[in-house]
Amino acid sequence: MTTKKLCVLTLIGVFGAFCTHPHLNADPPAKQELPDPADKHRVSLAVARDRAELMHELFSETLDVVHHRYFRRDGAVLPARAMEDVFTRLEKRSNVKARWIAVNTPAMSVNHEPETAFEKKAAEELEAGKAAYSLVEKGYYLEARPIPLGAGCIGCHTKLSPITDKKPRLAALVIAIPVKEK
């Protein structure tokens, strides 16, 4: 097994354990009620906020480590693309959704363009310098935080449309965690 595959499999295990570990769910079901199976992944808003912040740190640091240790410009899978495989597996295990969006740099994929009203507003807020943007909508706690693009990232992201100003370039990670209705 390659080091890259081992790294990704380890991360999937860590994220899966993090999201499904019973002690991390601060809202156990009431003793006399049986939980609705459809709600097994729903947590309180406070737990969702804590998880979103921690997950952002985990994903952001993992992206950075994978980029610096494993990515070489020899046609290897881009770290952000490899992370999307982690996002997909995590969603299957925990119903937590994550995705990248472009903020103030051209998206490398049409899949990374902000699509929803939340994502478009988040991109505006993050470009304006806000550290995070969040909202509760349709049973999900949505949170977006910036991912600063380093020199290696900017080289590819601006290849077709060079940028002349010196402001920091950002992408964002959007995390959606199912929350309990009040």
C-alpha atoms as a PDB file:
ATOM      1  CA  MET A   1       0.000   0.000   0.000  1.00  0.00           C
ATOM      2  CA  THR A   2       1.379   3.420  -0.893  1.00  0.00           C
ATOM      3  CA  THR A   3       2.062   6.046   1.746  1.00  0.00           C
ATOM      4  CA  LYS A   4      -0.583   8.286   0.166  1.00  0.00           C
ATOM      5  CA  LYS A   5      -3.275   5.588   0.413  1.00  0.00           C
ATOM      6  CA  LEU A   6      -2.272   4.804   3.988  1.00  0.00           C
ATOM      7  CA  CYS A   7      -2.492   8.495   4.882  1.00  0.00           C
ATOM      8  CA  VAL A   8      -5.981   8.846   3.342  1.00  0.00           C
ATOM      9  CA  LEU A   9      -7.248   5.641   4.990  1.00  0.00           C
ATOM     10  CA  THR A  10      -5.904   6.793   8.363  1.00  0.00           C
ATOM     11  CA  LEU A  11      -7.646  10.142   7.963  1.00  0.00           C
ATOM     12  CA  ILE A  12     -10.929   8.472   7.062  1.00  0.00           C
ATOM     13  CA  GLY A  13     -10.703   6.375  10.209  1.00  0.00           C
ATOM     14  CA  VAL A  14      -9.908   9.411  12.380  1.00  0.00           C
ATOM     15  CA  PHE A  15     -12.723  11.513  10.913  1.00  0.00           C
ATOM     16  CA  GLY A  16     -15.194   8.619  11.083  1.00  0.00           C
ATOM     17  CA  ALA A  17     -14.355   7.914  14.707  1.00  0.00           C
ATOM     18  CA  PHE A  18     -14.567  11.615  15.525  1.00  0.00           C
ATOM     19  CA  CYS A  19     -18.017  12.040  14.027  1.00  0.00           C
ATOM     20  CA  THR A  20     -19.568   8.860  15.336  1.00  0.00           C
ATOM     21  CA  HIS A  21     -17.915   8.511  18.746  1.00  0.00           C
ATOM     22  CA  PRO A  22     -20.727   8.403  21.371  1.00  0.00           C
ATOM     23  CA  HIS A  23     -18.863  10.486  23.957  1.00  0.00           C
ATOM     24  CA  LEU A  24     -18.619  13.397  21.530  1.00  0.00           C
ATOM     25  CA  ASN A  25     -22.388  13.630  21.283  1.00  0.00           C
ATOM     26  CA  ALA A  26     -23.381  15.869  24.172  1.00  0.00           C
ATOM     27  CA  ASP A  27     -27.076  15.165  23.669  1.00  0.00           C
ATOM     28  CA  PRO A  28     -27.901  11.532  24.563  1.00  0.00           C
ATOM     29  CA  PRO A  29     -31.504  10.483  23.936  1.00  0.00           C
ATOM     30  CA  ALA A  30     -33.956  10.776  26.813  1.00  0.00           C
ATOM     31  CA  LYS A  31     -34.166   7.611  28.921  1.00  0.00           C
ATOM     32  CA  GLN A  32     -37.855   6.973  28.236  1.00  0.00           C
ATOM     33  CA  GLU A  33     -37.810   7.796  24.510  1.00  0.00           C
ATOM     34  CA  LEU A  34     -36.470   5.690  21.706  1.00  0.00           C
ATOM     35  CA  PRO A  35     -34.550   7.832  19.228  1.00  0.00           C
ATOM     36  CA  ASP A  36     -35.885   8.174  15.728  1.00  0.00           C
ATOM     37  CA  PRO A  37     -33.467   6.234  13.461  1.00  0.00           C
ATOM     38  CA  ALA A  38     -33.575   9.098  10.941  1.00  0.00           C
ATOM     39  CA  ASP A  39     -32.191  11.436  13.623  1.00  0.00           C
ATOM     40  CA  LYS A  40     -29.233   9.297  14.705  1.00  0.00           C
ATOM     41  CA  HIS A  41     -26.732  11.823  13.325  1.00  0.00           C
ATOM     42  CA  ARG A  42     -28.497  14.966  14.536  1.00  0.00           C
ATOM     43  CA  VAL A  43     -26.798  16.902  17.341  1.00  0.00           C
ATOM     44  CA  SER A  44     -27.495  20.115  19.196  1.00  0.00           C
ATOM     45  CA  LEU A  45     -26.481  23.402  17.610  1.00  0.00           C
ATOM     46  CA  ALA A  46     -23.730  23.877  20.219  1.00  0.00           C
ATOM     47  CA  VAL A  47     -22.224  20.469  19.398  1.00  0.00           C
ATOM     48  CA  ALA A  48     -22.510  21.225  15.658  1.00  0.00           C
ATOM     49  CA  ARG A  49     -20.626  24.516  16.097  1.00  0.00           C
ATOM     50  CA  ASP A  50     -17.847  22.795  18.043  1.00  0.00           C
ATOM     51  CA  ARG A  51     -17.610  19.986  15.507  1.00  0.00           C
ATOM     52  CA  ALA A  52     -17.551  22.372  12.539  1.00  0.00           C
ATOM     53  CA  GLU A  53     -14.677  24.358  14.025  1.00  0.00           C
ATOM     54  CA  LEU A  54     -12.691  21.226  14.844  1.00  0.00           C
ATOM     55  CA  MET A  55     -13.435  19.622  11.471  1.00  0.00           C
ATOM     56  CA  HIS A  56     -12.298  22.769   9.683  1.00  0.00           C
ATOM     57  CA  GLU A  57      -8.993  22.644  11.557  1.00  0.00           C
ATOM     58  CA  LEU A  58      -8.594  18.922  10.809  1.00  0.00           C
ATOM     59  CA  PHE A  59      -9.384  19.241   7.104  1.00  0.00           C
ATOM     60  CA  SER A  60      -7.324  22.393   6.664  1.00  0.00           C
ATOM     61  CA  GLU A  61      -4.243  20.962   8.383  1.00  0.00           C
ATOM     62  CA  THR A  62      -4.634  17.637   6.572  1.00  0.00           C
ATOM     63  CA  LEU A  63      -4.799  19.441   3.232  1.00  0.00           C
ATOM     64  CA  ASP A  64      -1.632  21.350   4.089  1.00  0.00           C
ATOM     65  CA  VAL A  65       0.272  18.241   5.233  1.00  0.00           C
ATOM     66  CA  VAL A  66      -0.808  16.171   2.243  1.00  0.00           C
ATOM     67  CA  HIS A  67       0.081  19.022  -0.098  1.00  0.00           C
ATOM     68  CA  HIS A  68       3.554  19.553   1.319  1.00  0.00           C
ATOM     69  CA  ARG A  69       4.509  15.926   1.921  1.00  0.00           C
ATOM     70  CA  TYR A  70       2.883  13.982  -0.887  1.00  0.00           C
ATOM     71  CA  PHE A  71       1.939  16.237  -3.792  1.00  0.00           C
ATOM     72  CA  ARG A  72       4.499  16.705  -6.522  1.00  0.00           C
ATOM     73  CA  ARG A  73       3.776  18.343  -9.854  1.00  0.00           C
ATOM     74  CA  ASP A  74       4.123  15.068 -11.705  1.00  0.00           C
ATOM     75  CA  GLY A  75       0.463  14.436 -12.363  1.00  0.00           C
ATOM     76  CA  ALA A  76      -0.327  13.164  -8.869  1.00  0.00           C
ATOM     77  CA  VAL A  77      -3.831  13.673  -7.504  1.00  0.00           C
ATOM     78  CA  LEU A  78      -4.235  17.170  -6.120  1.00  0.00           C
ATOM     79  CA  PRO A  79      -4.608  17.209  -2.317  1.00  0.00           C
ATOM     80  CA  ALA A  80      -7.928  19.084  -2.416  1.00  0.00           C
ATOM     81  CA  ARG A  81      -9.286  16.449  -4.823  1.00  0.00           C
ATOM     82  CA  ALA A  82      -8.062  13.619  -2.580  1.00  0.00           C
ATOM     83  CA  MET A  83      -9.806  15.311   0.350  1.00  0.00           C
ATOM     84  CA  GLU A  84     -13.084  15.213  -1.582  1.00  0.00           C
ATOM     85  CA  ASP A  85     -12.898  11.422  -1.380  1.00  0.00           C
ATOM     86  CA  VAL A  86     -12.595  11.792   2.402  1.00  0.00           C
ATOM     87  CA  PHE A  87     -15.615  14.141   2.392  1.00  0.00           C
ATOM     88  CA  THR A  88     -17.688  11.551   0.497  1.00  0.00           C
ATOM     89  CA  ARG A  89     -16.795   8.736   2.869  1.00  0.00           C
ATOM     90  CA  LEU A  90     -17.390  10.920   5.913  1.00  0.00           C
ATOM     91  CA  GLU A  91     -20.842  11.887   4.648  1.00  0.00           C
ATOM     92  CA  LYS A  92     -21.785   8.217   4.268  1.00  0.00           C
ATOM     93  CA  ARG A  93     -20.737   7.511   7.865  1.00  0.00           C
ATOM     94  CA  SER A  94     -22.032  10.583   9.654  1.00  0.00           C
ATOM     95  CA  ASN A  95     -24.281  12.602   7.306  1.00  0.00           C
ATOM     96  CA  VAL A  96     -21.838  15.515   7.732  1.00  0.00           C
ATOM     97  CA  LYS A  97     -21.233  17.237   4.409  1.00  0.00           C
ATOM     98  CA  ALA A  98     -18.133  19.173   3.397  1.00  0.00           C
ATOM     99  CA  ARG A  99     -17.118  20.892   0.187  1.00  0.00           C
ATOM    100  CA  TRP A 100     -14.669  23.425  -1.171  1.00  0.00           C
ATOM    101  CA  ILE A 101     -15.758  26.736  -2.681  1.00  0.00           C
ATOM    102  CA  ALA A 102     -13.780  29.445  -4.434  1.00  0.00           C
ATOM    103  CA  VAL A 103     -13.776  32.794  -2.613  1.00  0.00           C
ATOM    104  CA  ASN A 104     -11.621  35.347  -4.447  1.00  0.00           C
ATOM    105  CA  THR A 105      -9.639  33.195  -6.858  1.00  0.00           C
ATOM    106  CA  PRO A 106     -10.870  31.321  -9.936  1.00  0.00           C
ATOM    107  CA  ALA A 107     -12.269  27.892  -9.108  1.00  0.00           C
ATOM    108  CA  MET A 108     -10.246  24.966 -10.432  1.00  0.00           C
ATOM    109  CA  SER A 109     -13.491  23.046 -11.023  1.00  0.00           C
ATOM    110  CA  VAL A 110     -17.044  24.128 -11.795  1.00  0.00           C
ATOM    111  CA  ASN A 111     -17.944  22.012  -8.737  1.00  0.00           C
ATOM    112  CA  HIS A 112     -16.173  24.570  -6.543  1.00  0.00           C
ATOM    113  CA  GLU A 113     -18.172  27.618  -7.587  1.00  0.00           C
ATOM    114  CA  PRO A 114     -20.408  28.899  -4.759  1.00  0.00           C
ATOM    115  CA  GLU A 115     -23.872  27.596  -5.637  1.00  0.00           C
ATOM    116  CA  THR A 116     -26.350  28.249  -2.832  1.00  0.00           C
ATOM    117  CA  ALA A 117     -27.339  31.584  -1.337  1.00  0.00           C
ATOM    118  CA  PHE A 118     -25.429  30.556   1.804  1.00  0.00           C
ATOM    119  CA  GLU A 119     -22.245  29.777  -0.149  1.00  0.00           C
ATOM    120  CA  LYS A 120     -22.409  33.030  -2.133  1.00  0.00           C
ATOM    121  CA  LYS A 121     -22.899  35.088   1.043  1.00  0.00           C
ATOM    122  CA  ALA A 122     -20.136  33.104   2.799  1.00  0.00           C
ATOM    123  CA  ALA A 123     -17.697  33.872  -0.043  1.00  0.00           C
ATOM    124  CA  GLU A 124     -18.542  37.591   0.245  1.00  0.00           C
ATOM    125  CA  GLU A 125     -18.107  37.595   4.027  1.00  0.00           C
ATOM    126  CA  LEU A 126     -14.831  35.651   3.966  1.00  0.00           C
ATOM    127  CA  GLU A 127     -13.401  37.864   1.221  1.00  0.00           C
ATOM    128  CA  ALA A 128     -14.289  40.867   3.381  1.00  0.00           C
ATOM    129  CA  GLY A 129     -12.119  39.404   6.152  1.00  0.00           C
ATOM    130  CA  LYS A 130     -14.619  37.589   8.344  1.00  0.00           C
ATOM    131  CA  ALA A 131     -13.091  34.539  10.115  1.00  0.00           C
ATOM    132  CA  ALA A 132     -16.214  32.414   9.626  1.00  0.00           C
ATOM    133  CA  TYR A 133     -19.773  32.628   8.360  1.00  0.00           C
ATOM    134  CA  SER A 134     -22.545  30.381   9.662  1.00  0.00           C
ATOM    135  CA  LEU A 135     -26.269  29.807   9.458  1.00  0.00           C
ATOM    136  CA  VAL A 136     -28.847  27.218  10.527  1.00  0.00           C
ATOM    137  CA  GLU A 137     -31.000  26.190   7.583  1.00  0.00           C
ATOM    138  CA  LYS A 138     -33.252  23.235   6.727  1.00  0.00           C
ATOM    139  CA  GLY A 139     -32.059  21.111   9.663  1.00  0.00           C
ATOM    140  CA  TYR A 140     -28.330  21.798   9.119  1.00  0.00           C
ATOM    141  CA  TYR A 141     -25.762  23.990  10.811  1.00  0.00           C
ATOM    142  CA  LEU A 142     -23.810  25.463   7.896  1.00  0.00           C
ATOM    143  CA  GLU A 143     -20.388  26.955   8.441  1.00  0.00           C
ATOM    144  CA  ALA A 144     -17.779  28.304   6.042  1.00  0.00           C
ATOM    145  CA  ARG A 145     -14.216  29.192   6.994  1.00  0.00           C
ATOM    146  CA  PRO A 146     -11.375  30.392   4.791  1.00  0.00           C
ATOM    147  CA  ILE A 147      -8.584  28.242   3.421  1.00  0.00           C
ATOM    148  CA  PRO A 148      -5.648  30.557   2.597  1.00  0.00           C
ATOM    149  CA  LEU A 149      -4.030  29.663  -0.709  1.00  0.00           C
ATOM    150  CA  GLY A 150      -0.269  29.397  -0.576  1.00  0.00           C
ATOM    151  CA  ALA A 151       2.222  30.115  -3.357  1.00  0.00           C
ATOM    152  CA  GLY A 152       1.879  26.608  -4.809  1.00  0.00           C
ATOM    153  CA  CYS A 153      -1.906  26.880  -4.920  1.00  0.00           C
ATOM    154  CA  ILE A 154      -1.978  30.352  -6.466  1.00  0.00           C
ATOM    155  CA  GLY A 155       0.307  29.265  -9.316  1.00  0.00           C
ATOM    156  CA  CYS A 156      -2.369  26.918 -10.659  1.00  0.00           C
ATOM    157  CA  HIS A 157      -5.443  28.877  -9.591  1.00  0.00           C
ATOM    158  CA  THR A 158      -4.315  32.009 -11.422  1.00  0.00           C
ATOM    159  CA  LYS A 159      -2.727  30.391 -14.483  1.00  0.00           C
ATOM    160  CA  LEU A 160      -5.514  31.471 -16.848  1.00  0.00           C
ATOM    161  CA  SER A 161      -6.343  34.792 -15.212  1.00  0.00           C
ATOM    162  CA  PRO A 162      -3.286  36.393 -13.606  1.00  0.00           C
ATOM    163  CA  ILE A 163      -3.912  38.462 -10.497  1.00  0.00           C
ATOM    164  CA  THR A 164      -1.981  41.692 -10.030  1.00  0.00           C
ATOM    165  CA  ASP A 165      -3.109  42.865  -6.592  1.00  0.00           C
ATOM    166  CA  LYS A 166      -1.434  41.581  -3.446  1.00  0.00           C
ATOM    167  CA  LYS A 167      -4.454  40.721  -1.285  1.00  0.00           C
ATOM    168  CA  PRO A 168      -4.499  37.217   0.247  1.00  0.00           C
ATOM    169  CA  ARG A 169      -6.179  34.606  -1.945  1.00  0.00           C
ATOM    170  CA  LEU A 170      -8.760  32.320  -0.389  1.00  0.00           C
ATOM    171  CA  ALA A 171     -10.841  29.267  -0.974  1.00  0.00           C
ATOM    172  CA  ALA A 172     -13.260  28.077   1.699  1.00  0.00           C
ATOM    173  CA  LEU A 173     -14.398  24.887   3.322  1.00  0.00           C
ATOM    174  CA  VAL A 174     -18.157  24.609   3.830  1.00  0.00           C
ATOM    175  CA  ILE A 175     -19.287  22.119   6.478  1.00  0.00           C
ATOM    176  CA  ALA A 176     -22.928  21.104   7.009  1.00  0.00           C
ATOM    177  CA  ILE A 177     -23.844  19.222  10.187  1.00  0.00           C
ATOM    178  CA  PRO A 178     -27.400  17.963  10.828  1.00  0.00           C
ATOM    179  CA  VAL A 179     -28.894  19.548  13.942  1.00  0.00           C
ATOM    180  CA  LYS A 180     -31.882  18.748  16.097  1.00  0.00           C
ATOM    181  CA  GLU A 181     -34.970  20.845  15.568  1.00  0.00           C
ATOM    182  CA  LYS A 182     -36.083  22.783  18.631  1.00  0.00           C
END
